[in-house]
Amino acid sequence: MTVHELPDAAEAVLAQVDRVPPGCVVTYGDIAAVLGIGPRQVGAVLSEYGSLVCWWRVLRADGRPPQGHEDAAMAAYREEGTPLRGAYLDRVDLARARFALG
């Protein structure tokens, strides 16, 4: 499947993810707010088509990586130099890493 065959909502979500540079992140809610959809819809799109983009740059509102993909996401954050926080550096520091989509 090519990007041109994606549903409109999926194309819109993936386009927003593509805007996020290395070392930065957004939340599901950030994308949802820009597109006027719900965060769960963003999650559903990334669940289905996330492999087409840098999916690890979209995370939960508390800075935790996508559920079920923590190890791969944390490796990507470390490789990209994404600011981390927490006792075990197991969350992204949203105050420092959040990218403004607006």
PDB file of N, CA and C in Angstrom:
ATOM      1  N   MET A   1       0.846  -1.181   0.000  1.00  0.00           N
ATOM      2  CA  MET A   1       0.000   0.000   0.000  1.00  0.00           C
ATOM      3  C   MET A   1       0.891   1.244   0.000  1.00  0.00           C
ATOM      4  N   THR A   2       0.582   2.145  -0.853  1.00  0.00           N
ATOM      5  CA  THR A   2       1.334   3.397  -0.889  1.00  0.00           C
ATOM      6  C   THR A   2       0.587   4.454  -0.087  1.00  0.00           C
ATOM      7  N   VAL A   3       1.254   5.544   0.210  1.00  0.00           N
ATOM      8  CA  VAL A   3       0.630   6.613   0.973  1.00  0.00           C
ATOM      9  C   VAL A   3      -0.600   7.138   0.253  1.00  0.00           C
ATOM     10  N   HIS A   4      -0.601   7.101  -1.065  1.00  0.00           N
ATOM     11  CA  HIS A   4      -1.732   7.625  -1.834  1.00  0.00           C
ATOM     12  C   HIS A   4      -2.989   6.779  -1.679  1.00  0.00           C
ATOM     13  N   GLU A   5      -2.855   5.551  -1.192  1.00  0.00           N
ATOM     14  CA  GLU A   5      -4.001   4.676  -1.024  1.00  0.00           C
ATOM     15  C   GLU A   5      -4.572   4.725   0.387  1.00  0.00           C
ATOM     16  N   LEU A   6      -4.012   5.538   1.255  1.00  0.00           N
ATOM     17  CA  LEU A   6      -4.462   5.616   2.632  1.00  0.00           C
ATOM     18  C   LEU A   6      -5.758   6.405   2.752  1.00  0.00           C
ATOM     19  N   PRO A   7      -6.556   6.073   3.763  1.00  0.00           N
ATOM     20  CA  PRO A   7      -7.730   6.908   4.045  1.00  0.00           C
ATOM     21  C   PRO A   7      -7.276   8.331   4.397  1.00  0.00           C
ATOM     22  N   ASP A   8      -8.143   9.311   4.171  1.00  0.00           N
ATOM     23  CA  ASP A   8      -7.792  10.715   4.412  1.00  0.00           C
ATOM     24  C   ASP A   8      -7.299  10.966   5.834  1.00  0.00           C
ATOM     25  N   ALA A   9      -7.987  10.392   6.828  1.00  0.00           N
ATOM     26  CA  ALA A   9      -7.587  10.603   8.224  1.00  0.00           C
ATOM     27  C   ALA A   9      -6.187  10.056   8.467  1.00  0.00           C
ATOM     28  N   ALA A  10      -5.877   8.924   7.888  1.00  0.00           N
ATOM     29  CA  ALA A  10      -4.554   8.338   8.068  1.00  0.00           C
ATOM     30  C   ALA A  10      -3.491   9.217   7.421  1.00  0.00           C
ATOM     31  N   GLU A  11      -3.756   9.701   6.248  1.00  0.00           N
ATOM     32  CA  GLU A  11      -2.800  10.600   5.580  1.00  0.00           C
ATOM     33  C   GLU A  11      -2.546  11.838   6.416  1.00  0.00           C
ATOM     34  N   ALA A  12      -3.598  12.386   6.992  1.00  0.00           N
ATOM     35  CA  ALA A  12      -3.464  13.599   7.796  1.00  0.00           C
ATOM     36  C   ALA A  12      -2.627  13.340   9.048  1.00  0.00           C
ATOM     37  N   VAL A  13      -2.885  12.238   9.737  1.00  0.00           N
ATOM     38  CA  VAL A  13      -2.116  11.893  10.938  1.00  0.00           C
ATOM     39  C   VAL A  13      -0.659  11.665  10.582  1.00  0.00           C
ATOM     40  N   LEU A  14      -0.399  10.880   9.561  1.00  0.00           N
ATOM     41  CA  LEU A  14       0.982  10.570   9.182  1.00  0.00           C
ATOM     42  C   LEU A  14       1.735  11.814   8.726  1.00  0.00           C
ATOM     43  N   ALA A  15       1.043  12.737   8.087  1.00  0.00           N
ATOM     44  CA  ALA A  15       1.679  13.990   7.671  1.00  0.00           C
ATOM     45  C   ALA A  15       2.129  14.797   8.891  1.00  0.00           C
ATOM     46  N   GLN A  16       1.323  14.786   9.951  1.00  0.00           N
ATOM     47  CA  GLN A  16       1.708  15.495  11.172  1.00  0.00           C
ATOM     48  C   GLN A  16       2.913  14.826  11.838  1.00  0.00           C
ATOM     49  N   VAL A  17       2.921  13.511  11.869  1.00  0.00           N
ATOM     50  CA  VAL A  17       4.056  12.786  12.455  1.00  0.00           C
ATOM     51  C   VAL A  17       5.328  13.086  11.667  1.00  0.00           C
ATOM     52  N   ASP A  18       5.217  13.158  10.361  1.00  0.00           N
ATOM     53  CA  ASP A  18       6.384  13.464   9.521  1.00  0.00           C
ATOM     54  C   ASP A  18       6.980  14.837   9.810  1.00  0.00           C
ATOM     55  N   ARG A  19       6.217  15.739  10.391  1.00  0.00           N
ATOM     56  CA  ARG A  19       6.715  17.079  10.693  1.00  0.00           C
ATOM     57  C   ARG A  19       7.624  17.100  11.922  1.00  0.00           C
ATOM     58  N   VAL A  20       7.549  16.081  12.762  1.00  0.00           N
ATOM     59  CA  VAL A  20       8.287  16.061  14.029  1.00  0.00           C
ATOM     60  C   VAL A  20       9.749  15.678  13.766  1.00  0.00           C
ATOM     61  N   PRO A  21      10.682  16.587  14.089  1.00  0.00           N
ATOM     62  CA  PRO A  21      12.098  16.308  13.810  1.00  0.00           C
ATOM     63  C   PRO A  21      12.709  15.335  14.821  1.00  0.00           C
ATOM     64  N   PRO A  22      13.847  14.736  14.466  1.00  0.00           N
ATOM     65  CA  PRO A  22      14.541  13.854  15.406  1.00  0.00           C
ATOM     66  C   PRO A  22      14.824  14.573  16.719  1.00  0.00           C
ATOM     67  N   GLY A  23      14.688  13.837  17.822  1.00  0.00           N
ATOM     68  CA  GLY A  23      14.940  14.400  19.137  1.00  0.00           C
ATOM     69  C   GLY A  23      13.753  15.126  19.727  1.00  0.00           C
ATOM     70  N   CYS A  24      12.658  15.206  18.981  1.00  0.00           N
ATOM     71  CA  CYS A  24      11.445  15.868  19.443  1.00  0.00           C
ATOM     72  C   CYS A  24      10.285  14.880  19.438  1.00  0.00           C
ATOM     73  N   VAL A  25       9.229  15.231  20.147  1.00  0.00           N
ATOM     74  CA  VAL A  25       8.049  14.370  20.227  1.00  0.00           C
ATOM     75  C   VAL A  25       6.783  15.215  20.247  1.00  0.00           C
ATOM     76  N   VAL A  26       5.669  14.551  20.016  1.00  0.00           N
ATOM     77  CA  VAL A  26       4.337  15.117  20.219  1.00  0.00           C
ATOM     78  C   VAL A  26       3.509  14.035  20.902  1.00  0.00           C
ATOM     79  N   THR A  27       2.371  14.424  21.431  1.00  0.00           N
ATOM     80  CA  THR A  27       1.474  13.449  22.019  1.00  0.00           C
ATOM     81  C   THR A  27       0.349  13.120  21.042  1.00  0.00           C
ATOM     82  N   TYR A  28      -0.346  12.038  21.345  1.00  0.00           N
ATOM     83  CA  TYR A  28      -1.522  11.700  20.543  1.00  0.00           C
ATOM     84  C   TYR A  28      -2.497  12.877  20.562  1.00  0.00           C
ATOM     85  N   GLY A  29      -2.631  13.499  21.727  1.00  0.00           N
ATOM     86  CA  GLY A  29      -3.531  14.638  21.866  1.00  0.00           C
ATOM     87  C   GLY A  29      -3.101  15.850  21.069  1.00  0.00           C
ATOM     88  N   ASP A  30      -1.788  16.068  20.951  1.00  0.00           N
ATOM     89  CA  ASP A  30      -1.302  17.193  20.141  1.00  0.00           C
ATOM     90  C   ASP A  30      -1.760  17.052  18.694  1.00  0.00           C
ATOM     91  N   ILE A  31      -1.592  15.862  18.151  1.00  0.00           N
ATOM     92  CA  ILE A  31      -2.010  15.620  16.763  1.00  0.00           C
ATOM     93  C   ILE A  31      -3.527  15.720  16.646  1.00  0.00           C
ATOM     94  N   ALA A  32      -4.221  15.136  17.618  1.00  0.00           N
ATOM     95  CA  ALA A  32      -5.684  15.167  17.601  1.00  0.00           C
ATOM     96  C   ALA A  32      -6.198  16.606  17.597  1.00  0.00           C
ATOM     97  N   ALA A  33      -5.587  17.468  18.393  1.00  0.00           N
ATOM     98  CA  ALA A  33      -6.032  18.866  18.479  1.00  0.00           C
ATOM     99  C   ALA A  33      -5.846  19.594  17.153  1.00  0.00           C
ATOM    100  N   VAL A  34      -4.754  19.332  16.478  1.00  0.00           N
ATOM    101  CA  VAL A  34      -4.495  19.981  15.185  1.00  0.00           C
ATOM    102  C   VAL A  34      -5.506  19.514  14.135  1.00  0.00           C
ATOM    103  N   LEU A  35      -5.856  18.252  14.185  1.00  0.00           N
ATOM    104  CA  LEU A  35      -6.713  17.680  13.146  1.00  0.00           C
ATOM    105  C   LEU A  35      -8.205  17.677  13.497  1.00  0.00           C
ATOM    106  N   GLY A  36      -8.535  18.004  14.742  1.00  0.00           N
ATOM    107  CA  GLY A  36      -9.940  18.007  15.134  1.00  0.00           C
ATOM    108  C   GLY A  36     -10.531  16.614  15.266  1.00  0.00           C
ATOM    109  N   ILE A  37      -9.706  15.661  15.693  1.00  0.00           N
ATOM    110  CA  ILE A  37     -10.168  14.292  15.927  1.00  0.00           C
ATOM    111  C   ILE A  37      -9.770  13.905  17.351  1.00  0.00           C
ATOM    112  N   GLY A  38     -10.086  12.704  17.754  1.00  0.00           N
ATOM    113  CA  GLY A  38      -9.737  12.252  19.095  1.00  0.00           C
ATOM    114  C   GLY A  38      -8.373  11.571  19.146  1.00  0.00           C
ATOM    115  N   PRO A  39      -7.727  11.601  20.322  1.00  0.00           N
ATOM    116  CA  PRO A  39      -6.428  10.940  20.474  1.00  0.00           C
ATOM    117  C   PRO A  39      -6.481   9.436  20.160  1.00  0.00           C
ATOM    118  N   ARG A  40      -7.597   8.818  20.466  1.00  0.00           N
ATOM    119  CA  ARG A  40      -7.719   7.376  20.169  1.00  0.00           C
ATOM    120  C   ARG A  40      -7.726   7.120  18.661  1.00  0.00           C
ATOM    121  N   GLN A  41      -8.288   8.063  17.916  1.00  0.00           N
ATOM    122  CA  GLN A  41      -8.253   7.934  16.459  1.00  0.00           C
ATOM    123  C   GLN A  41      -6.813   8.033  15.955  1.00  0.00           C
ATOM    124  N   VAL A  42      -6.048   8.928  16.549  1.00  0.00           N
ATOM    125  CA  VAL A  42      -4.632   9.039  16.190  1.00  0.00           C
ATOM    126  C   VAL A  42      -3.935   7.725  16.494  1.00  0.00           C
ATOM    127  N   GLY A  43      -4.202   7.170  17.663  1.00  0.00           N
ATOM    128  CA  GLY A  43      -3.602   5.895  18.039  1.00  0.00           C
ATOM    129  C   GLY A  43      -3.986   4.767  17.093  1.00  0.00           C
ATOM    130  N   ALA A  44      -5.246   4.761  16.678  1.00  0.00           N
ATOM    131  CA  ALA A  44      -5.702   3.722  15.752  1.00  0.00           C
ATOM    132  C   ALA A  44      -4.972   3.819  14.413  1.00  0.00           C
ATOM    133  N   VAL A  45      -4.791   5.047  13.930  1.00  0.00           N
ATOM    134  CA  VAL A  45      -4.058   5.235  12.669  1.00  0.00           C
ATOM    135  C   VAL A  45      -2.623   4.743  12.818  1.00  0.00           C
ATOM    136  N   LEU A  46      -1.977   5.118  13.923  1.00  0.00           N
ATOM    137  CA  LEU A  46      -0.582   4.708  14.103  1.00  0.00           C
ATOM    138  C   LEU A  46      -0.462   3.208  14.323  1.00  0.00           C
ATOM    139  N   SER A  47      -1.470   2.608  14.931  1.00  0.00           N
ATOM    140  CA  SER A  47      -1.468   1.161  15.103  1.00  0.00           C
ATOM    141  C   SER A  47      -1.492   0.451  13.753  1.00  0.00           C
ATOM    142  N   GLU A  48      -2.251   1.021  12.827  1.00  0.00           N
ATOM    143  CA  GLU A  48      -2.409   0.419  11.496  1.00  0.00           C
ATOM    144  C   GLU A  48      -1.283   0.796  10.527  1.00  0.00           C
ATOM    145  N   TYR A  49      -0.863   2.069  10.556  1.00  0.00           N
ATOM    146  CA  TYR A  49       0.061   2.576   9.539  1.00  0.00           C
ATOM    147  C   TYR A  49       1.351   3.175  10.095  1.00  0.00           C
ATOM    148  N   GLY A  50       1.569   3.032  11.377  1.00  0.00           N
ATOM    149  CA  GLY A  50       2.710   3.672  12.022  1.00  0.00           C
ATOM    150  C   GLY A  50       4.063   3.305  11.461  1.00  0.00           C
ATOM    151  N   SER A  51       4.180   2.139  10.876  1.00  0.00           N
ATOM    152  CA  SER A  51       5.478   1.719  10.329  1.00  0.00           C
ATOM    153  C   SER A  51       5.914   2.585   9.150  1.00  0.00           C
ATOM    154  N   LEU A  52       5.010   3.406   8.629  1.00  0.00           N
ATOM    155  CA  LEU A  52       5.345   4.287   7.509  1.00  0.00           C
ATOM    156  C   LEU A  52       6.041   5.577   7.964  1.00  0.00           C
ATOM    157  N   VAL A  53       6.036   5.835   9.277  1.00  0.00           N
ATOM    158  CA  VAL A  53       6.596   7.069   9.830  1.00  0.00           C
ATOM    159  C   VAL A  53       7.410   6.748  11.084  1.00  0.00           C
ATOM    160  N   CYS A  54       7.986   7.769  11.675  1.00  0.00           N
ATOM    161  CA  CYS A  54       8.742   7.625  12.926  1.00  0.00           C
ATOM    162  C   CYS A  54       7.754   7.607  14.090  1.00  0.00           C
ATOM    163  N   TRP A  55       7.050   6.504  14.251  1.00  0.00           N
ATOM    164  CA  TRP A  55       5.961   6.346  15.214  1.00  0.00           C
ATOM    165  C   TRP A  55       6.371   6.652  16.645  1.00  0.00           C
ATOM    166  N   TRP A  56       7.632   6.415  16.996  1.00  0.00           N
ATOM    167  CA  TRP A  56       8.086   6.605  18.369  1.00  0.00           C
ATOM    168  C   TRP A  56       8.074   8.073  18.787  1.00  0.00           C
ATOM    169  N   ARG A  57       7.933   8.974  17.847  1.00  0.00           N
ATOM    170  CA  ARG A  57       7.888  10.402  18.172  1.00  0.00           C
ATOM    171  C   ARG A  57       6.506  10.849  18.631  1.00  0.00           C
ATOM    172  N   VAL A  58       5.556   9.914  18.695  1.00  0.00           N
ATOM    173  CA  VAL A  58       4.210  10.193  19.210  1.00  0.00           C
ATOM    174  C   VAL A  58       4.035   9.352  20.466  1.00  0.00           C
ATOM    175  N   LEU A  59       3.739  10.043  21.568  1.00  0.00           N
ATOM    176  CA  LEU A  59       3.644   9.309  22.826  1.00  0.00           C
ATOM    177  C   LEU A  59       2.476   9.755  23.666  1.00  0.00           C
ATOM    178  N   ARG A  60       2.329   9.113  24.809  1.00  0.00           N
ATOM    179  CA  ARG A  60       1.229   9.418  25.721  1.00  0.00           C
ATOM    180  C   ARG A  60       1.472  10.758  26.421  1.00  0.00           C
ATOM    181  N   ALA A  61       0.421  11.334  26.938  1.00  0.00           N
ATOM    182  CA  ALA A  61       0.489  12.666  27.544  1.00  0.00           C
ATOM    183  C   ALA A  61       1.420  12.738  28.747  1.00  0.00           C
ATOM    184  N   ASP A  62       1.715  11.607  29.382  1.00  0.00           N
ATOM    185  CA  ASP A  62       2.614  11.621  30.536  1.00  0.00           C
ATOM    186  C   ASP A  62       4.079  11.382  30.153  1.00  0.00           C
ATOM    187  N   GLY A  63       4.354  11.326  28.863  1.00  0.00           N
ATOM    188  CA  GLY A  63       5.729  11.161  28.395  1.00  0.00           C
ATOM    189  C   GLY A  63       6.160   9.725  28.196  1.00  0.00           C
ATOM    190  N   ARG A  64       5.255   8.780  28.462  1.00  0.00           N
ATOM    191  CA  ARG A  64       5.602   7.378  28.262  1.00  0.00           C
ATOM    192  C   ARG A  64       5.474   6.999  26.792  1.00  0.00           C
ATOM    193  N   PRO A  65       6.343   6.096  26.341  1.00  0.00           N
ATOM    194  CA  PRO A  65       6.274   5.655  24.941  1.00  0.00           C
ATOM    195  C   PRO A  65       5.015   4.821  24.673  1.00  0.00           C
ATOM    196  N   PRO A  66       4.731   4.589  23.400  1.00  0.00           N
ATOM    197  CA  PRO A  66       3.560   3.795  23.041  1.00  0.00           C
ATOM    198  C   PRO A  66       3.583   2.418  23.711  1.00  0.00           C
ATOM    199  N   GLN A  67       2.454   2.056  24.281  1.00  0.00           N
ATOM    200  CA  GLN A  67       2.323   0.786  25.001  1.00  0.00           C
ATOM    201  C   GLN A  67       2.638  -0.391  24.091  1.00  0.00           C
ATOM    202  N   GLY A  68       3.453  -1.284  24.600  1.00  0.00           N
ATOM    203  CA  GLY A  68       3.830  -2.474  23.850  1.00  0.00           C
ATOM    204  C   GLY A  68       5.053  -2.266  22.984  1.00  0.00           C
ATOM    205  N   HIS A  69       5.524  -1.021  22.877  1.00  0.00           N
ATOM    206  CA  HIS A  69       6.680  -0.703  22.041  1.00  0.00           C
ATOM    207  C   HIS A  69       7.736   0.081  22.818  1.00  0.00           C
ATOM    208  N   GLU A  70       7.700  -0.074  24.139  1.00  0.00           N
ATOM    209  CA  GLU A  70       8.574   0.713  25.004  1.00  0.00           C
ATOM    210  C   GLU A  70      10.052   0.535  24.680  1.00  0.00           C
ATOM    211  N   ASP A  71      10.499  -0.699  24.529  1.00  0.00           N
ATOM    212  CA  ASP A  71      11.932  -0.939  24.297  1.00  0.00           C
ATOM    213  C   ASP A  71      12.413  -0.312  22.993  1.00  0.00           C
ATOM    214  N   ALA A  72      11.677  -0.519  21.916  1.00  0.00           N
ATOM    215  CA  ALA A  72      12.077   0.039  20.622  1.00  0.00           C
ATOM    216  C   ALA A  72      12.035   1.568  20.658  1.00  0.00           C
ATOM    217  N   ALA A  73      10.999   2.122  21.295  1.00  0.00           N
ATOM    218  CA  ALA A  73      10.875   3.575  21.378  1.00  0.00           C
ATOM    219  C   ALA A  73      12.014   4.164  22.199  1.00  0.00           C
ATOM    220  N   MET A  74      12.316   3.567  23.347  1.00  0.00           N
ATOM    221  CA  MET A  74      13.385   4.096  24.199  1.00  0.00           C
ATOM    222  C   MET A  74      14.732   4.043  23.473  1.00  0.00           C
ATOM    223  N   ALA A  75      14.968   3.002  22.718  1.00  0.00           N
ATOM    224  CA  ALA A  75      16.205   2.919  21.931  1.00  0.00           C
ATOM    225  C   ALA A  75      16.265   4.054  20.909  1.00  0.00           C
ATOM    226  N   ALA A  76      15.137   4.334  20.264  1.00  0.00           N
ATOM    227  CA  ALA A  76      15.089   5.419  19.276  1.00  0.00           C
ATOM    228  C   ALA A  76      15.298   6.772  19.950  1.00  0.00           C
ATOM    229  N   TYR A  77      14.688   6.979  21.131  1.00  0.00           N
ATOM    230  CA  TYR A  77      14.877   8.246  21.843  1.00  0.00           C
ATOM    231  C   TYR A  77      16.352   8.458  22.178  1.00  0.00           C
ATOM    232  N   ARG A  78      16.987   7.414  22.666  1.00  0.00           N
ATOM    233  CA  ARG A  78      18.407   7.536  23.031  1.00  0.00           C
ATOM    234  C   ARG A  78      19.264   7.812  21.793  1.00  0.00           C
ATOM    235  N   GLU A  79      18.958   7.136  20.701  1.00  0.00           N
ATOM    236  CA  GLU A  79      19.716   7.327  19.463  1.00  0.00           C
ATOM    237  C   GLU A  79      19.554   8.753  18.936  1.00  0.00           C
ATOM    238  N   GLU A  80      18.352   9.311  19.048  1.00  0.00           N
ATOM    239  CA  GLU A  80      18.079  10.654  18.529  1.00  0.00           C
ATOM    240  C   GLU A  80      18.439  11.757  19.521  1.00  0.00           C
ATOM    241  N   GLY A  81      18.789  11.389  20.745  1.00  0.00           N
ATOM    242  CA  GLY A  81      19.113  12.399  21.743  1.00  0.00           C
ATOM    243  C   GLY A  81      17.895  13.098  22.314  1.00  0.00           C
ATOM    244  N   THR A  82      16.772  12.429  22.331  1.00  0.00           N
ATOM    245  CA  THR A  82      15.547  12.984  22.890  1.00  0.00           C
ATOM    246  C   THR A  82      15.711  13.116  24.409  1.00  0.00           C
ATOM    247  N   PRO A  83      15.419  14.281  24.984  1.00  0.00           N
ATOM    248  CA  PRO A  83      15.552  14.459  26.431  1.00  0.00           C
ATOM    249  C   PRO A  83      14.641  13.507  27.200  1.00  0.00           C
ATOM    250  N   LEU A  84      15.193  12.825  28.186  1.00  0.00           N
ATOM    251  CA  LEU A  84      14.450  11.864  28.996  1.00  0.00           C
ATOM    252  C   LEU A  84      14.395  12.332  30.439  1.00  0.00           C
ATOM    253  N   ARG A  85      13.454  11.753  31.203  1.00  0.00           N
ATOM    254  CA  ARG A  85      13.326  12.093  32.626  1.00  0.00           C
ATOM    255  C   ARG A  85      12.860  10.847  33.376  1.00  0.00           C
ATOM    256  N   GLY A  86      12.729  11.005  34.678  1.00  0.00           N
ATOM    257  CA  GLY A  86      12.291   9.901  35.525  1.00  0.00           C
ATOM    258  C   GLY A  86      13.479   9.230  36.178  1.00  0.00           C
ATOM    259  N   ALA A  87      13.218   8.534  37.249  1.00  0.00           N
ATOM    260  CA  ALA A  87      14.284   7.876  38.006  1.00  0.00           C
ATOM    261  C   ALA A  87      15.099   6.928  37.138  1.00  0.00           C
ATOM    262  N   TYR A  88      14.451   6.311  36.177  1.00  0.00           N
ATOM    263  CA  TYR A  88      15.130   5.364  35.295  1.00  0.00           C
ATOM    264  C   TYR A  88      15.263   5.897  33.877  1.00  0.00           C
ATOM    265  N   LEU A  89      15.065   7.202  33.716  1.00  0.00           N
ATOM    266  CA  LEU A  89      15.058   7.809  32.379  1.00  0.00           C
ATOM    267  C   LEU A  89      14.152   7.015  31.448  1.00  0.00           C
ATOM    268  N   ASP A  90      12.958   6.739  31.936  1.00  0.00           N
ATOM    269  CA  ASP A  90      12.017   5.900  31.205  1.00  0.00           C
ATOM    270  C   ASP A  90      10.848   6.669  30.603  1.00  0.00           C
ATOM    271  N   ARG A  91      10.947   7.997  30.628  1.00  0.00           N
ATOM    272  CA  ARG A  91       9.916   8.847  30.026  1.00  0.00           C
ATOM    273  C   ARG A  91      10.596   9.985  29.289  1.00  0.00           C
ATOM    274  N   VAL A  92       9.918  10.481  28.296  1.00  0.00           N
ATOM    275  CA  VAL A  92      10.424  11.640  27.573  1.00  0.00           C
ATOM    276  C   VAL A  92      10.106  12.889  28.389  1.00  0.00           C
ATOM    277  N   ASP A  93      11.034  13.801  28.430  1.00  0.00           N
ATOM    278  CA  ASP A  93      10.835  15.086  29.100  1.00  0.00           C
ATOM    279  C   ASP A  93      10.067  15.993  28.138  1.00  0.00           C
ATOM    280  N   LEU A  94       8.749  15.998  28.282  1.00  0.00           N
ATOM    281  CA  LEU A  94       7.898  16.759  27.356  1.00  0.00           C
ATOM    282  C   LEU A  94       8.191  18.251  27.385  1.00  0.00           C
ATOM    283  N   ALA A  95       8.558  18.774  28.539  1.00  0.00           N
ATOM    284  CA  ALA A  95       8.842  20.202  28.630  1.00  0.00           C
ATOM    285  C   ALA A  95      10.007  20.604  27.720  1.00  0.00           C
ATOM    286  N   ARG A  96      10.930  19.708  27.508  1.00  0.00           N
ATOM    287  CA  ARG A  96      12.088  19.996  26.674  1.00  0.00           C
ATOM    288  C   ARG A  96      11.987  19.441  25.263  1.00  0.00           C
ATOM    289  N   ALA A  97      11.238  18.362  25.069  1.00  0.00           N
ATOM    290  CA  ALA A  97      11.242  17.668  23.777  1.00  0.00           C
ATOM    291  C   ALA A  97      10.021  17.921  22.911  1.00  0.00           C
ATOM    292  N   ARG A  98       8.983  18.508  23.464  1.00  0.00           N
ATOM    293  CA  ARG A  98       7.719  18.662  22.719  1.00  0.00           C
ATOM    294  C   ARG A  98       7.886  19.611  21.554  1.00  0.00           C
ATOM    295  N   PHE A  99       7.425  19.165  20.392  1.00  0.00           N
ATOM    296  CA  PHE A  99       7.459  19.935  19.161  1.00  0.00           C
ATOM    297  C   PHE A  99       6.089  20.583  18.965  1.00  0.00           C
ATOM    298  N   ALA A 100       6.067  21.849  18.632  1.00  0.00           N
ATOM    299  CA  ALA A 100       4.800  22.562  18.432  1.00  0.00           C
ATOM    300  C   ALA A 100       4.320  22.357  16.991  1.00  0.00           C
ATOM    301  N   LEU A 101       3.218  21.653  16.856  1.00  0.00           N
ATOM    302  CA  LEU A 101       2.656  21.405  15.523  1.00  0.00           C
ATOM    303  C   LEU A 101       1.893  22.601  14.996  1.00  0.00           C
ATOM    304  N   GLY A 102       1.310  23.394  15.897  1.00  0.00           N
ATOM    305  CA  GLY A 102       0.465  24.521  15.534  1.00  0.00           C
ATOM    306  C   GLY A 102       1.015  25.371  14.475  1.00  0.00           C
TER     307      GLY A 102
END
